[in-house]
Amino acid sequence: MVQTEEIRRQTLAMLVDNEPGVLSQIARLFSRKGYNIEAFAAGPTENPGITRITIDVLADEPHTELLCNQLRKLFPVHSVKWLNTQTSIYRELMLIKVMADNSETRNDVIQLANIFRAQIIDVSLETLTLVVTGDSDKITAIENILKEFKILEIARTGVVAIERGKATINDKSKESGEFNYGKNVL
């Protein structure tokens, strides 16, 4: 009997050139391979020419390894790392606007914000807007509780992750001169 691998949420982190078209190149690779990106977060690194991307995808282990290998072949990709949940730190950010048109509701939402260590970042006569950071379970938990107060709008970043300790994303699998193609090199 053939044992099949479990399909679950996998997190990939990568360093890429910060230039137009790179994100679409990466998204096309996932699309061509038949994978839906569950979460996607991109932002600058300590080097302004490099962007760090974190992608969550539903896949089994063999397909995740295949995706990593395919991503490494893309020219603007410097390194790719498949992050392990036991050795990595995961965080997400959510902005959530809730109806709070009376003092009792505002007090209830403020108490919930304190319990979840959320910050209230905007107050009006009818709404409260909170920012919540934490793992996906925490974000989902406060979202579910705040549904009782009529959620008006939500914006979630998707997961960002980094390995614990000294381990880094830096990947030495490509030759050092590989990224100098078409550039003036002395």
N, C-alpha and C. Protein backbone atom coordinates (compact mmCIF):
# COMPACT_ATOMS: atom_id res chain seq x y z
N MET A 1 0.83 -1.18 0.00
CA MET A 1 0.00 0.00 0.00
C MET A 1 0.88 1.25 0.00
N VAL A 2 0.60 2.18 -0.91
CA VAL A 2 1.38 3.40 -1.02
C VAL A 2 0.87 4.41 0.00
N GLN A 3 1.82 4.94 0.78
CA GLN A 3 1.44 5.95 1.77
C GLN A 3 1.57 7.33 1.14
N THR A 4 0.54 8.13 1.25
CA THR A 4 0.57 9.48 0.68
C THR A 4 0.99 10.46 1.75
N GLU A 5 1.69 11.49 1.32
CA GLU A 5 2.13 12.56 2.22
C GLU A 5 0.94 13.43 2.61
N GLU A 6 1.01 14.00 3.79
CA GLU A 6 -0.04 14.88 4.28
C GLU A 6 0.10 16.27 3.65
N ILE A 7 -1.00 16.75 3.10
CA ILE A 7 -1.02 18.10 2.57
C ILE A 7 -1.33 19.04 3.72
N ARG A 8 -0.44 20.01 3.93
CA ARG A 8 -0.63 20.97 5.01
C ARG A 8 0.01 22.29 4.61
N ARG A 9 -0.22 23.27 5.43
CA ARG A 9 0.32 24.60 5.15
C ARG A 9 1.83 24.59 5.34
N GLN A 10 2.55 24.99 4.30
CA GLN A 10 4.01 25.05 4.32
C GLN A 10 4.42 26.51 4.15
N THR A 11 5.48 26.91 4.81
CA THR A 11 5.97 28.28 4.73
C THR A 11 7.33 28.31 4.06
N LEU A 12 7.43 29.11 3.01
CA LEU A 12 8.68 29.30 2.29
C LEU A 12 9.12 30.75 2.46
N ALA A 13 10.40 30.96 2.71
CA ALA A 13 10.96 32.31 2.78
C ALA A 13 12.01 32.41 1.70
N MET A 14 12.10 33.58 1.08
CA MET A 14 13.09 33.75 0.02
C MET A 14 13.60 35.18 -0.02
N LEU A 15 14.80 35.33 -0.54
CA LEU A 15 15.40 36.62 -0.81
C LEU A 15 15.47 36.78 -2.32
N VAL A 16 14.97 37.92 -2.81
CA VAL A 16 14.92 38.16 -4.26
C VAL A 16 15.41 39.57 -4.56
N ASP A 17 15.78 39.79 -5.82
CA ASP A 17 16.13 41.14 -6.24
C ASP A 17 14.92 42.05 -6.10
N ASN A 18 15.14 43.26 -5.65
CA ASN A 18 14.08 44.25 -5.51
C ASN A 18 13.97 45.00 -6.84
N GLU A 19 13.20 44.41 -7.76
CA GLU A 19 13.04 45.02 -9.08
C GLU A 19 11.66 44.67 -9.64
N PRO A 20 11.18 45.46 -10.60
CA PRO A 20 9.85 45.21 -11.16
C PRO A 20 9.75 43.83 -11.81
N GLY A 21 8.60 43.18 -11.60
CA GLY A 21 8.31 41.92 -12.25
C GLY A 21 8.68 40.67 -11.47
N VAL A 22 9.46 40.80 -10.41
CA VAL A 22 9.90 39.63 -9.66
C VAL A 22 8.73 38.93 -8.97
N LEU A 23 7.85 39.70 -8.34
CA LEU A 23 6.71 39.10 -7.65
C LEU A 23 5.80 38.35 -8.61
N SER A 24 5.58 38.91 -9.79
CA SER A 24 4.72 38.22 -10.76
C SER A 24 5.39 36.95 -11.28
N GLN A 25 6.71 36.96 -11.42
CA GLN A 25 7.44 35.77 -11.85
C GLN A 25 7.24 34.64 -10.84
N ILE A 26 7.34 34.98 -9.56
CA ILE A 26 7.18 33.97 -8.51
C ILE A 26 5.74 33.47 -8.46
N ALA A 27 4.79 34.39 -8.53
CA ALA A 27 3.37 33.99 -8.51
C ALA A 27 3.04 33.10 -9.70
N ARG A 28 3.60 33.40 -10.87
CA ARG A 28 3.35 32.57 -12.06
C ARG A 28 3.88 31.15 -11.87
N LEU A 29 5.01 31.01 -11.20
CA LEU A 29 5.56 29.67 -10.97
C LEU A 29 4.58 28.85 -10.14
N PHE A 30 4.01 29.44 -9.09
CA PHE A 30 3.04 28.72 -8.27
C PHE A 30 1.80 28.38 -9.09
N SER A 31 1.35 29.30 -9.90
CA SER A 31 0.17 29.09 -10.73
C SER A 31 0.41 27.96 -11.74
N ARG A 32 1.57 27.98 -12.40
CA ARG A 32 1.90 26.94 -13.39
C ARG A 32 1.94 25.56 -12.76
N LYS A 33 2.40 25.49 -11.53
CA LYS A 33 2.51 24.21 -10.83
C LYS A 33 1.20 23.79 -10.18
N GLY A 34 0.17 24.67 -10.26
CA GLY A 34 -1.15 24.32 -9.74
C GLY A 34 -1.35 24.55 -8.26
N TYR A 35 -0.57 25.46 -7.68
CA TYR A 35 -0.69 25.75 -6.25
C TYR A 35 -1.28 27.12 -6.02
N ASN A 36 -2.15 27.20 -5.04
CA ASN A 36 -2.72 28.47 -4.64
C ASN A 36 -1.89 29.02 -3.48
N ILE A 37 -1.51 30.27 -3.57
CA ILE A 37 -0.78 30.91 -2.49
C ILE A 37 -1.78 31.28 -1.41
N GLU A 38 -1.62 30.73 -0.22
CA GLU A 38 -2.53 30.99 0.90
C GLU A 38 -2.25 32.34 1.55
N ALA A 39 -0.97 32.71 1.67
CA ALA A 39 -0.57 34.00 2.23
C ALA A 39 0.73 34.41 1.57
N PHE A 40 0.87 35.72 1.39
CA PHE A 40 2.04 36.26 0.69
C PHE A 40 2.41 37.57 1.37
N ALA A 41 3.64 37.68 1.84
CA ALA A 41 4.11 38.92 2.45
C ALA A 41 5.48 39.24 1.88
N ALA A 42 5.68 40.49 1.51
CA ALA A 42 6.96 40.92 0.94
C ALA A 42 7.35 42.25 1.54
N GLY A 43 8.64 42.43 1.76
CA GLY A 43 9.12 43.69 2.30
C GLY A 43 10.62 43.80 2.16
N PRO A 44 11.13 45.01 2.38
CA PRO A 44 12.57 45.24 2.23
C PRO A 44 13.37 44.55 3.33
N THR A 45 14.64 44.35 3.05
CA THR A 45 15.57 43.77 4.02
C THR A 45 16.57 44.85 4.42
N GLU A 46 17.62 44.46 5.12
CA GLU A 46 18.68 45.40 5.48
C GLU A 46 19.42 45.91 4.24
N ASN A 47 19.30 45.20 3.13
CA ASN A 47 19.89 45.60 1.86
C ASN A 47 18.77 46.15 0.96
N PRO A 48 18.80 47.42 0.58
CA PRO A 48 17.70 47.98 -0.21
C PRO A 48 17.50 47.33 -1.58
N GLY A 49 18.48 46.60 -2.07
CA GLY A 49 18.34 45.92 -3.36
C GLY A 49 17.72 44.54 -3.26
N ILE A 50 17.41 44.10 -2.04
CA ILE A 50 16.89 42.75 -1.80
C ILE A 50 15.55 42.84 -1.06
N THR A 51 14.59 42.03 -1.52
CA THR A 51 13.28 41.91 -0.86
C THR A 51 13.16 40.52 -0.26
N ARG A 52 12.57 40.46 0.93
CA ARG A 52 12.29 39.16 1.55
C ARG A 52 10.82 38.85 1.34
N ILE A 53 10.55 37.65 0.87
CA ILE A 53 9.17 37.21 0.62
C ILE A 53 8.90 35.99 1.48
N THR A 54 7.73 35.97 2.11
CA THR A 54 7.27 34.80 2.84
C THR A 54 5.98 34.35 2.17
N ILE A 55 5.91 33.07 1.81
CA ILE A 55 4.75 32.52 1.12
C ILE A 55 4.26 31.29 1.88
N ASP A 56 2.95 31.23 2.13
CA ASP A 56 2.31 30.03 2.67
C ASP A 56 1.56 29.35 1.54
N VAL A 57 1.73 28.04 1.43
CA VAL A 57 1.09 27.27 0.38
C VAL A 57 0.65 25.93 0.96
N LEU A 58 -0.47 25.40 0.48
CA LEU A 58 -0.91 24.06 0.88
C LEU A 58 -0.23 23.04 -0.03
N ALA A 59 0.61 22.19 0.58
CA ALA A 59 1.34 21.19 -0.20
C ALA A 59 1.85 20.09 0.72
N ASP A 60 2.23 18.97 0.11
CA ASP A 60 2.89 17.93 0.89
C ASP A 60 4.40 18.18 0.82
N GLU A 61 5.17 17.40 1.57
CA GLU A 61 6.61 17.65 1.64
C GLU A 61 7.34 17.48 0.30
N PRO A 62 7.07 16.43 -0.46
CA PRO A 62 7.79 16.30 -1.75
C PRO A 62 7.50 17.47 -2.70
N HIS A 63 6.24 17.92 -2.74
CA HIS A 63 5.91 19.03 -3.63
C HIS A 63 6.50 20.35 -3.12
N THR A 64 6.61 20.49 -1.81
CA THR A 64 7.23 21.70 -1.25
C THR A 64 8.70 21.75 -1.63
N GLU A 65 9.37 20.62 -1.55
CA GLU A 65 10.78 20.56 -1.95
C GLU A 65 10.93 20.87 -3.44
N LEU A 66 10.01 20.36 -4.25
CA LEU A 66 10.01 20.65 -5.69
C LEU A 66 9.83 22.15 -5.94
N LEU A 67 8.88 22.77 -5.22
CA LEU A 67 8.67 24.22 -5.35
C LEU A 67 9.93 24.99 -4.98
N CYS A 68 10.59 24.59 -3.89
CA CYS A 68 11.83 25.27 -3.48
C CYS A 68 12.88 25.17 -4.58
N ASN A 69 13.04 23.98 -5.15
CA ASN A 69 14.03 23.80 -6.21
C ASN A 69 13.69 24.63 -7.45
N GLN A 70 12.41 24.71 -7.80
CA GLN A 70 12.00 25.51 -8.95
C GLN A 70 12.23 27.00 -8.69
N LEU A 71 11.94 27.44 -7.48
CA LEU A 71 12.16 28.85 -7.13
C LEU A 71 13.64 29.21 -7.20
N ARG A 72 14.49 28.30 -6.75
CA ARG A 72 15.95 28.56 -6.77
C ARG A 72 16.46 28.76 -8.19
N LYS A 73 15.77 28.19 -9.18
CA LYS A 73 16.20 28.31 -10.57
C LYS A 73 15.88 29.67 -11.18
N LEU A 74 14.96 30.41 -10.56
CA LEU A 74 14.61 31.72 -11.10
C LEU A 74 15.77 32.68 -10.90
N PHE A 75 16.07 33.44 -11.94
CA PHE A 75 17.23 34.33 -11.91
C PHE A 75 17.22 35.34 -10.76
N PRO A 76 16.11 36.02 -10.47
CA PRO A 76 16.17 37.04 -9.42
C PRO A 76 16.11 36.49 -7.99
N VAL A 77 16.01 35.18 -7.83
CA VAL A 77 15.92 34.58 -6.50
C VAL A 77 17.33 34.28 -5.99
N HIS A 78 17.67 34.86 -4.83
CA HIS A 78 18.98 34.64 -4.23
C HIS A 78 18.99 33.39 -3.36
N SER A 79 17.96 33.20 -2.57
CA SER A 79 17.89 32.02 -1.71
C SER A 79 16.44 31.70 -1.37
N VAL A 80 16.23 30.42 -1.06
CA VAL A 80 14.90 29.93 -0.68
C VAL A 80 15.09 29.01 0.51
N LYS A 81 14.23 29.14 1.50
CA LYS A 81 14.29 28.25 2.66
C LYS A 81 12.89 27.82 3.03
N TRP A 82 12.73 26.54 3.25
CA TRP A 82 11.48 25.95 3.70
C TRP A 82 11.55 25.98 5.22
N LEU A 83 10.67 26.74 5.85
CA LEU A 83 10.74 26.95 7.29
C LEU A 83 9.99 25.87 8.06
N ASN A 84 10.60 25.40 9.11
CA ASN A 84 10.06 24.37 9.98
C ASN A 84 9.33 25.04 11.14
N THR A 85 8.14 24.59 11.45
CA THR A 85 7.34 25.23 12.51
C THR A 85 8.00 25.11 13.88
N GLN A 86 8.79 24.09 14.12
CA GLN A 86 9.43 23.92 15.42
C GLN A 86 10.64 24.85 15.60
N THR A 87 11.25 25.28 14.51
CA THR A 87 12.48 26.07 14.62
C THR A 87 12.31 27.50 14.09
N SER A 88 11.09 27.92 13.88
CA SER A 88 10.85 29.26 13.33
C SER A 88 9.81 30.01 14.15
N ILE A 89 9.84 31.32 14.01
CA ILE A 89 8.88 32.20 14.67
C ILE A 89 7.97 32.77 13.59
N TYR A 90 6.66 32.67 13.81
CA TYR A 90 5.68 33.13 12.83
C TYR A 90 4.85 34.26 13.44
N ARG A 91 4.61 35.31 12.68
CA ARG A 91 3.75 36.40 13.14
C ARG A 91 2.93 36.93 11.97
N GLU A 92 1.79 37.48 12.34
CA GLU A 92 0.88 38.09 11.38
C GLU A 92 0.37 39.37 12.01
N LEU A 93 -0.07 40.30 11.19
CA LEU A 93 -0.64 41.55 11.66
C LEU A 93 -2.03 41.71 11.07
N MET A 94 -2.96 42.19 11.89
CA MET A 94 -4.31 42.44 11.41
C MET A 94 -4.77 43.80 11.90
N LEU A 95 -5.34 44.57 11.00
CA LEU A 95 -6.08 45.78 11.35
C LEU A 95 -7.55 45.41 11.27
N ILE A 96 -8.32 45.75 12.30
CA ILE A 96 -9.73 45.37 12.32
C ILE A 96 -10.56 46.53 12.85
N LYS A 97 -11.55 46.92 12.07
CA LYS A 97 -12.45 48.02 12.43
C LYS A 97 -13.78 47.43 12.87
N VAL A 98 -14.21 47.81 14.08
CA VAL A 98 -15.40 47.23 14.71
C VAL A 98 -16.40 48.33 15.03
N MET A 99 -17.68 48.03 14.84
CA MET A 99 -18.73 48.96 15.22
C MET A 99 -18.77 49.05 16.74
N ALA A 100 -18.70 50.27 17.26
CA ALA A 100 -18.75 50.52 18.71
C ALA A 100 -19.44 51.85 18.93
N ASP A 101 -20.78 51.86 18.75
CA ASP A 101 -21.52 53.11 18.74
C ASP A 101 -22.11 53.50 20.10
N ASN A 102 -21.72 52.78 21.16
CA ASN A 102 -22.14 53.20 22.50
C ASN A 102 -21.03 52.86 23.49
N SER A 103 -21.09 53.45 24.67
CA SER A 103 -20.00 53.31 25.63
C SER A 103 -19.85 51.87 26.13
N GLU A 104 -20.93 51.15 26.28
CA GLU A 104 -20.84 49.76 26.74
C GLU A 104 -20.09 48.90 25.73
N THR A 105 -20.41 49.05 24.46
CA THR A 105 -19.72 48.29 23.41
C THR A 105 -18.26 48.69 23.35
N ARG A 106 -17.96 49.99 23.41
CA ARG A 106 -16.57 50.44 23.38
C ARG A 106 -15.78 49.83 24.54
N ASN A 107 -16.37 49.82 25.74
CA ASN A 107 -15.69 49.23 26.90
C ASN A 107 -15.44 47.74 26.70
N ASP A 108 -16.40 47.03 26.14
CA ASP A 108 -16.23 45.59 25.88
C ASP A 108 -15.10 45.34 24.89
N VAL A 109 -15.06 46.12 23.83
CA VAL A 109 -14.01 45.96 22.81
C VAL A 109 -12.65 46.32 23.40
N ILE A 110 -12.59 47.36 24.21
CA ILE A 110 -11.33 47.75 24.85
C ILE A 110 -10.83 46.63 25.78
N GLN A 111 -11.73 46.01 26.54
CA GLN A 111 -11.33 44.89 27.40
C GLN A 111 -10.79 43.72 26.59
N LEU A 112 -11.46 43.40 25.48
CA LEU A 112 -10.96 42.33 24.61
C LEU A 112 -9.59 42.69 24.03
N ALA A 113 -9.43 43.94 23.64
CA ALA A 113 -8.14 44.38 23.11
C ALA A 113 -7.05 44.17 24.16
N ASN A 114 -7.34 44.50 25.40
CA ASN A 114 -6.35 44.30 26.47
C ASN A 114 -6.03 42.83 26.67
N ILE A 115 -7.02 41.98 26.65
CA ILE A 115 -6.80 40.54 26.83
C ILE A 115 -5.88 39.99 25.74
N PHE A 116 -6.09 40.43 24.49
CA PHE A 116 -5.31 39.94 23.35
C PHE A 116 -4.06 40.77 23.08
N ARG A 117 -3.79 41.73 23.95
CA ARG A 117 -2.65 42.64 23.77
C ARG A 117 -2.69 43.35 22.43
N ALA A 118 -3.88 43.71 22.03
CA ALA A 118 -4.07 44.49 20.80
C ALA A 118 -3.99 45.97 21.18
N GLN A 119 -3.74 46.79 20.19
CA GLN A 119 -3.71 48.24 20.41
C GLN A 119 -4.86 48.88 19.66
N ILE A 120 -5.49 49.85 20.30
CA ILE A 120 -6.53 50.62 19.63
C ILE A 120 -5.82 51.79 18.96
N ILE A 121 -5.94 51.85 17.63
CA ILE A 121 -5.18 52.86 16.88
C ILE A 121 -6.05 53.95 16.28
N ASP A 122 -7.38 53.78 16.36
CA ASP A 122 -8.29 54.82 15.87
C ASP A 122 -9.62 54.70 16.61
N VAL A 123 -10.13 55.85 17.01
CA VAL A 123 -11.40 55.91 17.73
C VAL A 123 -12.27 56.96 17.06
N SER A 124 -13.53 56.60 16.82
CA SER A 124 -14.52 57.57 16.38
C SER A 124 -15.76 57.39 17.24
N LEU A 125 -16.77 58.17 17.01
CA LEU A 125 -18.00 58.04 17.80
C LEU A 125 -18.70 56.71 17.54
N GLU A 126 -18.42 56.09 16.39
CA GLU A 126 -19.13 54.85 16.03
C GLU A 126 -18.24 53.63 15.87
N THR A 127 -16.91 53.81 15.82
CA THR A 127 -16.03 52.66 15.56
C THR A 127 -14.78 52.69 16.42
N LEU A 128 -14.17 51.52 16.54
CA LEU A 128 -12.83 51.36 17.10
C LEU A 128 -12.03 50.54 16.10
N THR A 129 -10.78 50.93 15.86
CA THR A 129 -9.90 50.17 14.99
C THR A 129 -8.74 49.67 15.83
N LEU A 130 -8.49 48.37 15.73
CA LEU A 130 -7.44 47.73 16.50
C LEU A 130 -6.36 47.19 15.59
N VAL A 131 -5.15 47.10 16.11
CA VAL A 131 -4.07 46.38 15.44
C VAL A 131 -3.70 45.23 16.37
N VAL A 132 -3.62 44.03 15.78
CA VAL A 132 -3.30 42.83 16.52
C VAL A 132 -2.13 42.16 15.84
N THR A 133 -1.13 41.77 16.62
CA THR A 133 -0.02 40.98 16.07
C THR A 133 0.09 39.69 16.86
N GLY A 134 0.51 38.65 16.17
CA GLY A 134 0.69 37.35 16.83
C GLY A 134 0.63 36.24 15.81
N ASP A 135 0.53 35.02 16.31
CA ASP A 135 0.42 33.90 15.39
C ASP A 135 -0.99 33.86 14.80
N SER A 136 -1.16 33.08 13.77
CA SER A 136 -2.45 33.03 13.06
C SER A 136 -3.61 32.61 13.96
N ASP A 137 -3.35 31.72 14.92
CA ASP A 137 -4.41 31.28 15.82
C ASP A 137 -4.92 32.44 16.68
N LYS A 138 -4.01 33.27 17.18
CA LYS A 138 -4.40 34.43 17.98
C LYS A 138 -5.22 35.41 17.14
N ILE A 139 -4.76 35.67 15.92
CA ILE A 139 -5.45 36.60 15.02
C ILE A 139 -6.87 36.10 14.74
N THR A 140 -6.99 34.82 14.43
CA THR A 140 -8.30 34.23 14.14
C THR A 140 -9.20 34.24 15.37
N ALA A 141 -8.62 34.00 16.54
CA ALA A 141 -9.41 33.98 17.78
C ALA A 141 -10.04 35.33 18.07
N ILE A 142 -9.27 36.41 18.01
CA ILE A 142 -9.84 37.72 18.29
C ILE A 142 -10.83 38.12 17.20
N GLU A 143 -10.54 37.75 15.97
CA GLU A 143 -11.48 38.04 14.88
C GLU A 143 -12.82 37.37 15.14
N ASN A 144 -12.81 36.12 15.55
CA ASN A 144 -14.06 35.39 15.82
C ASN A 144 -14.84 36.02 16.98
N ILE A 145 -14.14 36.46 18.01
CA ILE A 145 -14.82 37.09 19.15
C ILE A 145 -15.40 38.44 18.75
N LEU A 146 -14.66 39.20 17.95
CA LEU A 146 -15.13 40.54 17.57
C LEU A 146 -16.29 40.51 16.58
N LYS A 147 -16.56 39.36 15.98
CA LYS A 147 -17.72 39.25 15.09
C LYS A 147 -19.01 39.61 15.81
N GLU A 148 -19.04 39.41 17.11
CA GLU A 148 -20.20 39.75 17.94
C GLU A 148 -20.51 41.26 17.89
N PHE A 149 -19.50 42.07 17.61
CA PHE A 149 -19.65 43.52 17.63
C PHE A 149 -19.81 44.12 16.23
N LYS A 150 -19.97 43.34 15.22
CA LYS A 150 -20.10 43.76 13.83
C LYS A 150 -18.77 44.34 13.30
N ILE A 151 -18.04 43.48 12.66
CA ILE A 151 -16.79 43.88 12.03
C ILE A 151 -17.12 44.63 10.74
N LEU A 152 -16.54 45.82 10.59
CA LEU A 152 -16.77 46.63 9.40
C LEU A 152 -15.71 46.39 8.32
N GLU A 153 -14.48 46.11 8.77
CA GLU A 153 -13.40 45.93 7.79
C GLU A 153 -12.22 45.22 8.46
N ILE A 154 -11.53 44.39 7.67
CA ILE A 154 -10.34 43.68 8.14
C ILE A 154 -9.26 43.78 7.06
N ALA A 155 -8.03 43.99 7.50
CA ALA A 155 -6.86 43.90 6.63
C ALA A 155 -5.81 43.06 7.35
N ARG A 156 -5.44 41.92 6.74
CA ARG A 156 -4.43 41.03 7.31
C ARG A 156 -3.22 40.97 6.41
N THR A 157 -2.04 40.91 7.03
CA THR A 157 -0.80 40.93 6.25
C THR A 157 -0.43 39.59 5.65
N GLY A 158 -0.85 38.52 6.24
CA GLY A 158 -0.28 37.23 5.90
C GLY A 158 0.90 37.00 6.82
N VAL A 159 1.39 35.80 6.84
CA VAL A 159 2.43 35.40 7.79
C VAL A 159 3.79 35.90 7.35
N VAL A 160 4.57 36.36 8.31
CA VAL A 160 6.00 36.57 8.12
C VAL A 160 6.68 35.65 9.12
N ALA A 161 7.83 35.12 8.75
CA ALA A 161 8.49 34.15 9.62
C ALA A 161 9.99 34.30 9.51
N ILE A 162 10.66 33.89 10.59
CA ILE A 162 12.11 33.91 10.64
C ILE A 162 12.55 32.76 11.54
N GLU A 163 13.70 32.18 11.24
CA GLU A 163 14.19 31.06 12.04
C GLU A 163 14.72 31.55 13.38
N ARG A 164 14.59 30.70 14.37
CA ARG A 164 15.12 31.00 15.70
C ARG A 164 16.64 30.85 15.71
N GLY A 165 17.27 31.52 16.65
CA GLY A 165 18.70 31.36 16.86
C GLY A 165 19.55 31.93 15.74
N LYS A 166 20.69 31.29 15.50
CA LYS A 166 21.69 31.80 14.56
C LYS A 166 21.38 31.50 13.10
N ALA A 167 20.48 30.55 12.84
CA ALA A 167 20.17 30.17 11.45
C ALA A 167 19.59 31.35 10.68
N THR A 168 19.97 31.47 9.42
CA THR A 168 19.45 32.54 8.56
C THR A 168 18.98 31.97 7.23
N ILE A 169 18.38 32.83 6.45
CA ILE A 169 17.87 32.43 5.14
C ILE A 169 18.98 32.36 4.09
N ASN A 170 20.12 32.94 4.37
CA ASN A 170 21.19 32.99 3.37
C ASN A 170 21.51 31.60 2.85
N ASP A 171 21.45 31.47 1.54
CA ASP A 171 21.62 30.20 0.85
C ASP A 171 22.85 30.31 -0.04
N LYS A 172 23.79 29.43 0.14
CA LYS A 172 25.03 29.48 -0.65
C LYS A 172 24.99 28.51 -1.83
N SER A 173 23.79 28.12 -2.28
CA SER A 173 23.69 27.12 -3.34
C SER A 173 23.94 27.69 -4.73
N LYS A 174 23.91 29.01 -4.86
CA LYS A 174 24.20 29.60 -6.17
C LYS A 174 25.62 30.15 -6.17
N GLU A 175 26.24 30.15 -7.33
CA GLU A 175 27.59 30.68 -7.43
C GLU A 175 27.56 32.17 -7.22
N SER A 176 28.64 32.70 -6.65
CA SER A 176 28.66 34.12 -6.28
C SER A 176 28.53 35.04 -7.48
N GLY A 177 29.00 34.67 -8.62
CA GLY A 177 28.92 35.54 -9.78
C GLY A 177 27.62 35.44 -10.55
N GLU A 178 26.76 34.54 -10.15
CA GLU A 178 25.54 34.26 -10.91
C GLU A 178 24.63 35.47 -11.03
N PHE A 179 24.60 36.33 -10.02
CA PHE A 179 23.69 37.47 -10.03
C PHE A 179 24.28 38.69 -10.71
N ASN A 180 25.47 38.57 -11.23
CA ASN A 180 26.11 39.70 -11.89
C ASN A 180 25.87 39.70 -13.39
N TYR A 181 25.05 38.78 -13.89
CA TYR A 181 24.76 38.68 -15.30
C TYR A 181 24.21 40.01 -15.82
N GLY A 182 24.82 40.53 -16.86
CA GLY A 182 24.33 41.77 -17.47
C GLY A 182 24.73 43.02 -16.71
N LYS A 183 25.49 42.88 -15.64
CA LYS A 183 25.92 44.03 -14.85
C LYS A 183 27.42 44.20 -15.06
N ASN A 184 27.89 45.40 -14.86
CA ASN A 184 29.32 45.64 -14.99
C ASN A 184 30.05 45.04 -13.79
N VAL A 185 30.89 44.08 -14.05
CA VAL A 185 31.63 43.41 -13.00
C VAL A 185 33.12 43.61 -13.27
N LEU A 186 33.86 44.02 -12.27
CA LEU A 186 35.30 44.21 -12.43
C LEU A 186 36.05 42.95 -12.10
